[in-house]
Amino acid sequence: MILSDLHALLPHRYPYLLIDRMIQLDPLHRMVAIKNVSMNEPYFQGHYPESPHMPATMILEALAQTGYAGILSDSELRGRLPFFASLTNVKFRRPVIPGDQLRLEMDVLKLRDRFIKMQGRALVDGVLVAEGTFVFNLAKPPSNSHIHPTASIHASAI
């Protein structure tokens, strides 16, 4: 799956789209993506500029986006809004530096109507650099309800 296909699935855009290509997509089972880590990434300017390495939160977000693509590519879940509900057993094994290519793997562990639990792993050259268990809330998008301009609304209404 190329970048234009990812744009169709994910709401993220530059500079916050953190995956470059999906190389395996088995919706609701397994997803694998690639992130080419470049010195041109905006966070390298201020995140340890003398010894640049990818922020741990960005690695987790890249894993999450990999999982989102798998969730949102399923026809029954398309349109849902996946949000982080929890992260557990997160471990960072070594730094990710410019020039590395991250292999981002997400495997579905459990799926319920409103939640999905996944196991994520990030690897560089086959070496584990980060891992964790992700739970996402699968929110339904807000309705497009409108309030008529002549409607009376109490001042304390939320």
Foldseek 3Di string as FASTA:
>chain_A
DADVVLVVQDVDDPPLQFFGAWPDADALFKTKTKGQAACPRVCCVPDPVVFGFDDPVSLVSNLVSRNSSSQCVDPVLNQWDKDWPDKPPKDFDDTHGHRWMKIKMWGWDDDDPFKTKIKIFIDTPNHTGIIIITMIGGHHDDDPDDDPPPDDDDPPDD
